[in-house]
Protein backbone atom coordinates (compact mmCIF):
# COMPACT_ATOMS: atom_id res chain seq x y z
CA MET A 1 135.05 33.18 -6.91
CA THR A 2 136.41 30.03 -5.66
CA SER A 3 134.27 27.14 -4.68
CA LYS A 4 135.82 27.60 -1.01
CA MET A 5 134.58 30.95 -0.65
CA ILE A 6 131.06 30.02 -1.77
CA ALA A 7 130.85 27.01 0.79
CA LEU A 8 132.23 29.84 3.19
CA LYS A 9 129.72 31.94 2.69
CA ILE A 10 126.81 29.79 2.47
CA LEU A 11 128.18 28.07 5.91
CA ASP A 12 128.15 31.95 7.44
CA GLY A 13 124.61 32.59 6.50
CA ILE A 14 123.53 29.11 8.31
CA PHE A 15 125.95 30.12 11.38
CA ILE A 16 124.34 33.93 11.60
CA SER A 17 120.80 33.00 10.85
CA THR A 18 120.72 30.14 13.49
CA THR A 19 122.39 32.15 16.18
CA ILE A 20 120.17 35.15 15.71
CA VAL A 21 116.99 33.03 16.08
CA LEU A 22 118.57 31.01 19.06
CA LEU A 23 119.46 34.46 20.66
CA GLY A 24 116.08 35.85 19.80
CA ILE A 25 114.46 32.70 21.63
CA VAL A 26 116.80 33.38 24.86
CA ALA A 27 115.87 37.19 24.71
CA GLY A 28 112.39 36.29 24.95
CA LEU A 29 110.88 36.50 21.81
CA PRO A 30 107.80 34.22 21.42
CA ALA A 31 108.96 31.29 19.58
CA ASP A 32 105.42 28.98 19.68
CA TRP A 33 105.12 29.33 15.90
CA LEU A 34 108.82 28.11 15.28
CA LEU A 35 108.46 25.22 17.70
CA ALA A 36 105.16 24.10 15.80
CA LEU A 37 106.64 24.19 12.65
CA PHE A 38 109.68 21.74 13.66
CA GLU A 39 107.24 20.33 16.05
CA MET A 40 109.45 20.24 18.89
CA SER A 41 109.69 20.75 22.52
CA MET A 42 111.94 24.18 23.64
CA ARG A 43 114.57 21.68 24.70
CA GLU A 44 114.54 19.75 21.84
CA PHE A 45 114.75 22.86 19.86
CA GLN A 46 117.47 24.14 21.63
CA ALA A 47 119.49 20.90 21.47
CA PHE A 48 119.04 20.97 17.56
CA ALA A 49 119.99 24.95 17.35
CA LEU A 50 123.01 24.32 19.04
CA PHE A 51 123.88 21.10 16.90
CA VAL A 52 123.47 23.30 13.85
CA ILE A 53 125.34 26.30 15.15
CA PHE A 54 128.56 24.05 16.38
CA GLY A 55 128.23 21.72 12.96
CA SER A 56 128.35 24.78 10.92
CA LEU A 57 131.39 26.40 13.07
CA LEU A 58 133.49 22.97 12.52
CA LEU A 59 132.61 23.06 9.02
CA ILE A 60 133.70 26.71 8.24
CA HIS A 61 136.89 25.61 10.59
CA ALA A 62 137.34 22.61 8.62
CA ILE A 63 137.08 24.53 5.04
CA ALA A 64 139.04 27.71 6.10
CA SER A 65 142.12 25.29 7.42
CA SER A 66 142.18 22.98 4.18
CA ASP A 67 144.74 23.60 1.64
CA SER A 68 142.88 21.62 -0.88
CA ALA A 69 140.95 24.43 -2.51
CA PRO A 70 142.58 27.65 -3.20
């Protein structure tokens, strides 16, 4: 397994887990414990989650489209 594949698997895991948590909150699952854990308001948490999702998507795209690693 190449380093490119390992990095893509890690970023895919971050993307999928963050997306599942965000969709759960949007669907109405109680998120008070999560907000207390990060000490954020709901709006701050949503902005942070969107940042992580888009950041991991950009990293996945950058690694997948790079030619430097096999």
